[in-house]
C-alpha atoms as a PDB file:
ATOM      1  CA  MET A   1     188.027  58.358  40.849  1.00  0.00           C
ATOM      2  CA  GLN A   2     186.291  56.424  39.054  1.00  0.00           C
ATOM      3  CA  LYS A   3     184.871  57.158  34.920  1.00  0.00           C
ATOM      4  CA  VAL A   4     180.989  58.463  36.027  1.00  0.00           C
ATOM      5  CA  GLU A   5     178.259  56.064  33.633  1.00  0.00           C
ATOM      6  CA  LEU A   6     175.735  57.306  31.776  1.00  0.00           C
ATOM      7  CA  LEU A   7     173.053  55.215  31.312  1.00  0.00           C
ATOM      8  CA  ALA A   8     170.686  55.140  28.322  1.00  0.00           C
ATOM      9  CA  PRO A   9     167.107  54.477  27.567  1.00  0.00           C
ATOM     10  CA  ALA A  10     166.302  51.701  24.336  1.00  0.00           C
ATOM     11  CA  GLY A  11     162.625  50.701  23.565  1.00  0.00           C
ATOM     12  CA  ASP A  12     163.931  49.467  20.099  1.00  0.00           C
ATOM     13  CA  LEU A  13     166.877  48.254  18.491  1.00  0.00           C
ATOM     14  CA  GLU A  14     167.583  51.109  16.602  1.00  0.00           C
ATOM     15  CA  ARG A  15     167.275  53.596  19.422  1.00  0.00           C
ATOM     16  CA  LEU A  16     170.028  51.166  21.389  1.00  0.00           C
ATOM     17  CA  LYS A  17     172.585  51.090  18.549  1.00  0.00           C
ATOM     18  CA  VAL A  18     172.210  55.327  17.934  1.00  0.00           C
ATOM     19  CA  ASN A  19     173.046  55.215  21.607  1.00  0.00           C
ATOM     20  CA  LEU A  20     175.498  53.775  22.414  1.00  0.00           C
ATOM     21  CA  LEU A  21     177.417  56.186  19.282  1.00  0.00           C
ATOM     22  CA  TYR A  22     176.321  58.509  20.123  1.00  0.00           C
ATOM     23  CA  GLY A  23     178.147  57.577  24.068  1.00  0.00           C
ATOM     24  CA  ALA A  24     176.238  55.631  26.396  1.00  0.00           C
ATOM     25  CA  ASP A  25     177.986  53.484  28.109  1.00  0.00           C
ATOM     26  CA  ALA A  26     174.887  51.574  28.848  1.00  0.00           C
ATOM     27  CA  ILE A  27     171.647  50.554  27.713  1.00  0.00           C
ATOM     28  CA  TYR A  28     168.248  49.559  29.451  1.00  0.00           C
ATOM     29  CA  ILE A  29     165.648  48.275  27.671  1.00  0.00           C
ATOM     30  CA  GLY A  30     162.182  47.019  28.494  1.00  0.00           C
ATOM     31  CA  GLY A  31     161.409  42.673  27.316  1.00  0.00           C
ATOM     32  CA  GLU A  32     157.605  42.643  26.276  1.00  0.00           C
ATOM     33  CA  LYS A  33     157.100  41.301  29.279  1.00  0.00           C
ATOM     34  CA  TYR A  34     157.282  42.879  33.288  1.00  0.00           C
ATOM     35  CA  GLY A  35     158.545  46.192  32.499  1.00  0.00           C
ATOM     36  CA  LEU A  36     156.904  49.344  33.485  1.00  0.00           C
ATOM     37  CA  ARG A  37     156.210  51.160  28.921  1.00  0.00           C
ATOM     38  CA  ALA A  38     154.714  47.914  27.934  1.00  0.00           C
ATOM     39  CA  ASN A  39     153.520  50.627  25.017  1.00  0.00           C
ATOM     40  CA  ALA A  40     156.870  50.894  23.424  1.00  0.00           C
ATOM     41  CA  THR A  41     157.816  48.901  21.143  1.00  0.00           C
ATOM     42  CA  ASN A  42     160.175  46.669  23.702  1.00  0.00           C
ATOM     43  CA  PHE A  43     162.675  43.741  23.098  1.00  0.00           C
ATOM     44  CA  SER A  44     162.413  39.872  22.098  1.00  0.00           C
ATOM     45  CA  LEU A  45     164.364  37.603  22.891  1.00  0.00           C
ATOM     46  CA  ALA A  46     166.504  37.956  19.405  1.00  0.00           C
ATOM     47  CA  GLU A  47     166.866  41.850  19.863  1.00  0.00           C
ATOM     48  CA  MET A  48     167.922  40.902  23.335  1.00  0.00           C
ATOM     49  CA  LYS A  49     170.382  39.641  22.253  1.00  0.00           C
ATOM     50  CA  GLU A  50     171.759  41.064  18.615  1.00  0.00           C
ATOM     51  CA  GLY A  51     171.567  44.566  21.253  1.00  0.00           C
ATOM     52  CA  CYS A  52     173.964  42.526  24.274  1.00  0.00           C
ATOM     53  CA  LEU A  53     176.453  41.783  21.381  1.00  0.00           C
ATOM     54  CA  PHE A  54     177.090  45.255  19.892  1.00  0.00           C
ATOM     55  CA  ALA A  55     177.268  46.759  22.927  1.00  0.00           C
ATOM     56  CA  HIS A  56     179.539  43.835  24.862  1.00  0.00           C
ATOM     57  CA  ALA A  57     181.707  44.385  21.040  1.00  0.00           C
ATOM     58  CA  ARG A  58     181.462  48.318  22.030  1.00  0.00           C
ATOM     59  CA  GLY A  59     183.267  47.421  25.729  1.00  0.00           C
ATOM     60  CA  LYS A  60     179.074  48.462  26.971  1.00  0.00           C
ATOM     61  CA  LYS A  61     176.667  47.145  28.769  1.00  0.00           C
ATOM     62  CA  VAL A  62     172.735  46.552  28.587  1.00  0.00           C
ATOM     63  CA  TYR A  63     170.589  45.968  32.011  1.00  0.00           C
ATOM     64  CA  LEU A  64     167.175  44.744  31.607  1.00  0.00           C
ATOM     65  CA  THR A  65     164.087  46.338  33.045  1.00  0.00           C
ATOM     66  CA  LEU A  66     162.070  43.575  35.491  1.00  0.00           C
ATOM     67  CA  ASN A  67     160.374  46.082  38.103  1.00  0.00           C
ATOM     68  CA  ILE A  68     156.475  46.052  37.647  1.00  0.00           C
ATOM     69  CA  VAL A  69     154.777  45.275  40.078  1.00  0.00           C
ATOM     70  CA  PHE A  70     154.244  41.606  40.222  1.00  0.00           C
ATOM     71  CA  HIS A  71     151.044  40.407  41.217  1.00  0.00           C
ATOM     72  CA  ASN A  72     150.500  36.474  41.528  1.00  0.00           C
ATOM     73  CA  GLU A  73     149.877  35.672  37.607  1.00  0.00           C
ATOM     74  CA  ASP A  74     152.721  37.885  36.633  1.00  0.00           C
ATOM     75  CA  MET A  75     155.255  35.036  38.245  1.00  0.00           C
ATOM     76  CA  GLU A  76     154.188  32.856  36.068  1.00  0.00           C
ATOM     77  CA  GLY A  77     156.540  32.327  33.747  1.00  0.00           C
ATOM     78  CA  VAL A  78     159.452  34.797  35.265  1.00  0.00           C
ATOM     79  CA  GLU A  79     161.853  32.049  35.901  1.00  0.00           C
ATOM     80  CA  GLU A  80     161.854  31.515  32.973  1.00  0.00           C
ATOM     81  CA  TYR A  81     162.331  34.471  31.208  1.00  0.00           C
ATOM     82  CA  ILE A  82     165.176  35.563  33.798  1.00  0.00           C
ATOM     83  CA  LYS A  83     166.811  32.739  32.652  1.00  0.00           C
ATOM     84  CA  GLU A  84     166.707  33.542  28.837  1.00  0.00           C
ATOM     85  CA  ALA A  85     167.646  37.008  29.302  1.00  0.00           C
ATOM     86  CA  VAL A  86     170.638  35.734  30.763  1.00  0.00           C
ATOM     87  CA  VAL A  87     171.574  33.937  28.190  1.00  0.00           C
ATOM     88  CA  CYS A  88     171.032  37.196  25.729  1.00  0.00           C
ATOM     89  CA  GLY A  89     173.812  38.848  27.551  1.00  0.00           C
ATOM     90  CA  ILE A  90     171.712  40.543  30.030  1.00  0.00           C
ATOM     91  CA  ASP A  91     174.518  42.061  32.443  1.00  0.00           C
ATOM     92  CA  ALA A  92     171.949  43.323  35.533  1.00  0.00           C
ATOM     93  CA  PHE A  93     168.220  43.658  35.916  1.00  0.00           C
ATOM     94  CA  ILE A  94     166.734  46.484  37.385  1.00  0.00           C
ATOM     95  CA  VAL A  95     163.744  45.075  39.911  1.00  0.00           C
ATOM     96  CA  SER A  96     162.352  46.109  42.521  1.00  0.00           C
ATOM     97  CA  ASP A  97     159.889  43.197  43.937  1.00  0.00           C
ATOM     98  CA  PRO A  98     161.887  41.140  46.984  1.00  0.00           C
ATOM     99  CA  PHE A  99     161.530  37.494  45.879  1.00  0.00           C
ATOM    100  CA  LEU A 100     162.875  37.996  42.277  1.00  0.00           C
ATOM    101  CA  ILE A 101     166.206  40.342  44.142  1.00  0.00           C
ATOM    102  CA  SER A 102     167.099  36.998  46.230  1.00  0.00           C
ATOM    103  CA  TYR A 103     166.439  34.232  42.887  1.00  0.00           C
ATOM    104  CA  ILE A 104     168.377  35.829  40.991  1.00  0.00           C
ATOM    105  CA  HIS A 105     171.250  37.153  42.827  1.00  0.00           C
ATOM    106  CA  THR A 106     171.230  33.570  43.906  1.00  0.00           C
ATOM    107  CA  THR A 107     170.983  31.827  40.619  1.00  0.00           C
ATOM    108  CA  TYR A 108     173.011  33.911  38.394  1.00  0.00           C
ATOM    109  CA  PRO A 109     175.399  35.777  40.867  1.00  0.00           C
ATOM    110  CA  GLN A 110     177.550  36.389  37.931  1.00  0.00           C
ATOM    111  CA  VAL A 111     174.253  38.804  36.303  1.00  0.00           C
ATOM    112  CA  GLU A 112     174.005  42.460  38.822  1.00  0.00           C
ATOM    113  CA  VAL A 113     171.046  43.050  40.495  1.00  0.00           C
ATOM    114  CA  HIS A 114     170.014  46.927  40.002  1.00  0.00           C
ATOM    115  CA  LEU A 115     166.763  47.986  42.706  1.00  0.00           C
ATOM    116  CA  SER A 116     164.418  50.310  40.842  1.00  0.00           C
ATOM    117  CA  THR A 117     163.179  53.621  41.495  1.00  0.00           C
ATOM    118  CA  GLN A 118     159.708  52.329  41.678  1.00  0.00           C
ATOM    119  CA  ASN A 119     161.100  51.050  45.233  1.00  0.00           C
ATOM    120  CA  SER A 120     160.905  54.362  45.806  1.00  0.00           C
ATOM    121  CA  THR A 121     164.391  54.324  48.492  1.00  0.00           C
ATOM    122  CA  THR A 122     165.225  57.612  50.309  1.00  0.00           C
ATOM    123  CA  ASN A 123     167.775  56.022  52.930  1.00  0.00           C
ATOM    124  CA  SER A 124     170.779  54.942  53.297  1.00  0.00           C
ATOM    125  CA  LEU A 125     169.710  52.239  56.056  1.00  0.00           C
ATOM    126  CA  ALA A 126     167.208  51.015  53.427  1.00  0.00           C
ATOM    127  CA  VAL A 127     170.328  51.328  50.891  1.00  0.00           C
ATOM    128  CA  SER A 128     172.254  49.179  53.253  1.00  0.00           C
ATOM    129  CA  PHE A 129     169.471  46.458  53.615  1.00  0.00           C
ATOM    130  CA  PHE A 130     169.391  46.154  50.002  1.00  0.00           C
ATOM    131  CA  GLN A 131     173.031  45.592  49.992  1.00  0.00           C
ATOM    132  CA  GLU A 132     173.340  42.734  52.379  1.00  0.00           C
ATOM    133  CA  GLU A 133     170.653  41.085  49.949  1.00  0.00           C
ATOM    134  CA  GLY A 134     172.751  41.340  47.268  1.00  0.00           C
ATOM    135  CA  VAL A 135     171.600  44.434  45.173  1.00  0.00           C
ATOM    136  CA  LYS A 136     174.645  45.918  43.571  1.00  0.00           C
ATOM    137  CA  ARG A 137     173.529  49.685  42.521  1.00  0.00           C
ATOM    138  CA  VAL A 138     170.469  51.475  43.838  1.00  0.00           C
ATOM    139  CA  VAL A 139     168.185  53.633  42.069  1.00  0.00           C
ATOM    140  CA  LEU A 140     166.970  56.394  43.835  1.00  0.00           C
ATOM    141  CA  ALA A 141     164.083  57.861  44.280  1.00  0.00           C
ATOM    142  CA  ARG A 142     163.537  61.031  42.453  1.00  0.00           C
ATOM    143  CA  GLU A 143     162.344  63.380  45.052  1.00  0.00           C
ATOM    144  CA  LEU A 144     165.801  63.288  47.232  1.00  0.00           C
ATOM    145  CA  SER A 145     168.511  66.712  47.218  1.00  0.00           C
ATOM    146  CA  LYS A 146     172.010  66.163  46.718  1.00  0.00           C
ATOM    147  CA  GLY A 147     172.480  66.259  50.009  1.00  0.00           C
ATOM    148  CA  GLU A 148     170.270  63.095  50.775  1.00  0.00           C
ATOM    149  CA  ILE A 149     171.893  61.394  48.115  1.00  0.00           C
ATOM    150  CA  LYS A 150     175.909  62.192  49.165  1.00  0.00           C
ATOM    151  CA  GLU A 151     174.866  61.531  52.566  1.00  0.00           C
ATOM    152  CA  ILE A 152     174.743  57.848  51.339  1.00  0.00           C
ATOM    153  CA  ILE A 153     176.429  57.432  48.885  1.00  0.00           C
ATOM    154  CA  ASP A 154     179.292  58.438  52.376  1.00  0.00           C
ATOM    155  CA  LYS A 155     177.169  56.159  54.829  1.00  0.00           C
ATOM    156  CA  THR A 156     176.935  53.131  52.866  1.00  0.00           C
ATOM    157  CA  GLY A 157     179.327  53.126  49.955  1.00  0.00           C
ATOM    158  CA  MET A 158     177.097  51.914  47.252  1.00  0.00           C
ATOM    159  CA  ASP A 159     176.844  52.459  43.311  1.00  0.00           C
ATOM    160  CA  ILE A 160     173.975  54.531  43.254  1.00  0.00           C
ATOM    161  CA  GLU A 161     171.737  55.652  39.917  1.00  0.00           C
ATOM    162  CA  VAL A 162     170.393  58.950  39.724  1.00  0.00           C
ATOM    163  CA  PHE A 163     167.789  59.982  36.387  1.00  0.00           C
ATOM    164  CA  ILE A 164     169.463  63.585  35.072  1.00  0.00           C
ATOM    165  CA  HIS A 165     166.666  64.026  32.487  1.00  0.00           C
ATOM    166  CA  GLY A 166     163.570  62.883  31.172  1.00  0.00           C
ATOM    167  CA  ALA A 167     159.740  62.884  32.500  1.00  0.00           C
ATOM    168  CA  MET A 168     159.288  63.477  36.154  1.00  0.00           C
ATOM    169  CA  CYS A 169     156.359  61.791  38.107  1.00  0.00           C
ATOM    170  CA  THR A 170     153.587  63.943  39.170  1.00  0.00           C
ATOM    171  CA  CYS A 171     153.476  61.319  42.509  1.00  0.00           C
ATOM    172  CA  PHE A 172     156.557  60.310  44.862  1.00  0.00           C
ATOM    173  CA  SER A 173     158.699  57.322  42.570  1.00  0.00           C
ATOM    174  CA  GLY A 174     156.104  54.052  42.605  1.00  0.00           C
ATOM    175  CA  ARG A 175     153.869  55.310  44.059  1.00  0.00           C
ATOM    176  CA  CYS A 176     150.932  56.327  41.422  1.00  0.00           C
ATOM    177  CA  THR A 177     147.472  55.350  41.091  1.00  0.00           C
ATOM    178  CA  LEU A 178     146.874  57.954  38.663  1.00  0.00           C
ATOM    179  CA  SER A 179     146.558  56.098  36.071  1.00  0.00           C
ATOM    180  CA  ASN A 180     144.127  53.063  37.410  1.00  0.00           C
ATOM    181  CA  TYR A 181     142.044  55.585  38.652  1.00  0.00           C
ATOM    182  CA  VAL A 182     141.352  57.517  35.985  1.00  0.00           C
ATOM    183  CA  THR A 183     141.581  54.837  32.590  1.00  0.00           C
ATOM    184  CA  GLY A 184     141.565  51.622  34.828  1.00  0.00           C
ATOM    185  CA  ARG A 185     145.353  51.413  33.161  1.00  0.00           C
ATOM    186  CA  ASP A 186     147.640  50.463  35.387  1.00  0.00           C
ATOM    187  CA  ALA A 187     150.616  52.532  35.770  1.00  0.00           C
ATOM    188  CA  ASN A 188     153.041  50.382  37.806  1.00  0.00           C
ATOM    189  CA  ARG A 189     152.726  47.367  35.896  1.00  0.00           C
ATOM    190  CA  GLY A 190     153.492  49.394  32.779  1.00  0.00           C
ATOM    191  CA  GLY A 191     150.496  50.989  31.900  1.00  0.00           C
ATOM    192  CA  CYS A 192     150.734  54.383  32.097  1.00  0.00           C
ATOM    193  CA  ALA A 193     148.800  56.691  30.504  1.00  0.00           C
ATOM    194  CA  GLN A 194     150.107  58.992  31.906  1.00  0.00           C
ATOM    195  CA  VAL A 195     147.313  61.231  33.425  1.00  0.00           C
ATOM    196  CA  CYS A 196     149.485  63.469  35.100  1.00  0.00           C
ATOM    197  CA  ARG A 197     149.428  65.836  31.396  1.00  0.00           C
ATOM    198  CA  PHE A 198     146.407  65.236  30.845  1.00  0.00           C
ATOM    199  CA  SER A 199     144.590  68.975  30.961  1.00  0.00           C
ATOM    200  CA  PHE A 200     141.460  69.122  32.871  1.00  0.00           C
ATOM    201  CA  ASP A 201     138.586  71.690  32.550  1.00  0.00           C
ATOM    202  CA  THR A 202     138.270  73.914  35.664  1.00  0.00           C
ATOM    203  CA  SER A 203     136.282  76.460  36.771  1.00  0.00           C
ATOM    204  CA  GLU A 204     139.778  79.201  35.696  1.00  0.00           C
ATOM    205  CA  LYS A 205     139.531  80.123  31.901  1.00  0.00           C
ATOM    206  CA  ALA A 206     142.986  78.295  31.587  1.00  0.00           C
ATOM    207  CA  PRO A 207     142.800  74.847  32.160  1.00  0.00           C
ATOM    208  CA  PHE A 208     144.809  72.260  34.762  1.00  0.00           C
ATOM    209  CA  THR A 209     147.743  69.907  34.471  1.00  0.00           C
ATOM    210  CA  LEU A 210     149.145  68.062  36.918  1.00  0.00           C
ATOM    211  CA  ALA A 211     152.779  67.935  35.356  1.00  0.00           C
ATOM    212  CA  THR A 212     155.404  69.582  36.132  1.00  0.00           C
ATOM    213  CA  LYS A 213     158.768  70.752  33.782  1.00  0.00           C
ATOM    214  CA  ASP A 214     160.658  67.658  32.388  1.00  0.00           C
ATOM    215  CA  LEU A 215     163.880  67.281  34.761  1.00  0.00           C
ATOM    216  CA  ASN A 216     167.097  68.818  32.832  1.00  0.00           C
ATOM    217  CA  MET A 217     169.843  68.455  35.571  1.00  0.00           C
ATOM    218  CA  ALA A 218     173.156  69.101  32.678  1.00  0.00           C
ATOM    219  CA  ALA A 219     174.233  72.090  34.837  1.00  0.00           C
ATOM    220  CA  TYR A 220     174.744  70.057  38.176  1.00  0.00           C
ATOM    221  CA  ILE A 221     176.526  67.267  36.280  1.00  0.00           C
ATOM    222  CA  PRO A 222     180.049  68.168  38.174  1.00  0.00           C
ATOM    223  CA  ASP A 223     178.617  68.193  41.328  1.00  0.00           C
ATOM    224  CA  LEU A 224     176.988  64.747  41.136  1.00  0.00           C
ATOM    225  CA  ILE A 225     180.201  62.521  39.513  1.00  0.00           C
ATOM    226  CA  GLU A 226     181.918  65.042  41.850  1.00  0.00           C
ATOM    227  CA  MET A 227     179.425  63.522  44.911  1.00  0.00           C
ATOM    228  CA  GLY A 228     180.274  60.114  43.914  1.00  0.00           C
ATOM    229  CA  VAL A 229     177.291  58.964  42.123  1.00  0.00           C
ATOM    230  CA  ALA A 230     178.130  55.823  39.801  1.00  0.00           C
ATOM    231  CA  SER A 231     175.818  56.524  37.102  1.00  0.00           C
ATOM    232  CA  LEU A 232     174.087  59.327  35.096  1.00  0.00           C
ATOM    233  CA  LYS A 233     170.658  57.904  33.775  1.00  0.00           C
ATOM    234  CA  VAL A 234     167.973  59.507  30.857  1.00  0.00           C
ATOM    235  CA  GLU A 235     164.777  58.740  30.776  1.00  0.00           C
ATOM    236  CA  GLY A 236     163.071  57.922  27.534  1.00  0.00           C
ATOM    237  CA  ARG A 237     161.716  54.181  26.102  1.00  0.00           C
ATOM    238  CA  LYS A 238     159.678  55.772  23.527  1.00  0.00           C
ATOM    239  CA  ARG A 239     161.669  59.223  22.561  1.00  0.00           C
ATOM    240  CA  SER A 240     162.533  59.342  19.053  1.00  0.00           C
ATOM    241  CA  LEU A 241     165.940  58.803  17.473  1.00  0.00           C
ATOM    242  CA  TYR A 242     166.849  62.360  17.484  1.00  0.00           C
ATOM    243  CA  TYR A 243     166.043  63.293  21.020  1.00  0.00           C
ATOM    244  CA  LEU A 244     167.761  60.329  22.667  1.00  0.00           C
ATOM    245  CA  ALA A 245     171.073  61.514  20.068  1.00  0.00           C
ATOM    246  CA  THR A 246     170.366  64.788  20.914  1.00  0.00           C
ATOM    247  CA  VAL A 247     170.670  64.506  24.410  1.00  0.00           C
ATOM    248  CA  ILE A 248     172.981  61.147  24.849  1.00  0.00           C
ATOM    249  CA  GLY A 249     176.016  63.161  22.814  1.00  0.00           C
ATOM    250  CA  THR A 250     175.519  66.738  24.850  1.00  0.00           C
ATOM    251  CA  TYR A 251     175.398  64.510  28.207  1.00  0.00           C
ATOM    252  CA  HIS A 252     178.355  62.701  27.072  1.00  0.00           C
ATOM    253  CA  SER A 253     179.678  65.738  26.021  1.00  0.00           C
ATOM    254  CA  ILE A 254     179.567  67.085  29.621  1.00  0.00           C
ATOM    255  CA  ILE A 255     180.813  64.279  31.365  1.00  0.00           C
ATOM    256  CA  ASP A 256     183.770  64.250  29.454  1.00  0.00           C
END
């Protein structure tokens, strides 16, 4: 059985290094463009290169999020940006836009394409379709049951990545417009204001919030490994160093 990957978030270079030192097998980061955490520190190209060198020297990988919902103006300069990221040593791009999936797979076949959870993928036929388009891994929507995940793996043989820890979207994965409506900040282009965590006044005495509790799949790690999940993903590119060290170190121990 292939060892499952522990995938950690990093909002900056220091977090990348700490995550790797505490047991992560791979890191996902955002650049200064095209990612869904526009308010995080994020990585310049120089930092991206340094991060890749640090990871590769330890046999680890770095993935770059390129997963906003692209509008016409967002496409300006994206091809040059992808080229620069490839030069930096990025091992995979996490994307959801169909054009970019095709473009990266055709232009840079040595770099993997991972389908973002922003695509809200929930069935095996969709997974098989993207497999034929050159996608090497699918990050499934967070709304699937264990049985549904297992069925997708069995039917497709695709590398499957699932979230195991961190914040949960109240709306369906990749489909939220609450932030747009309440604050004018586009959640699907990197500006999520996390309106689901706001406290709203109601006629009741206690204020109301939409947010679910954070995800914690620690008790289910053996099940996910047995099912054949390829990568276990922790959310939190804006979390503190101490949080990441604790969470990644704990899951590393559980996996071992």
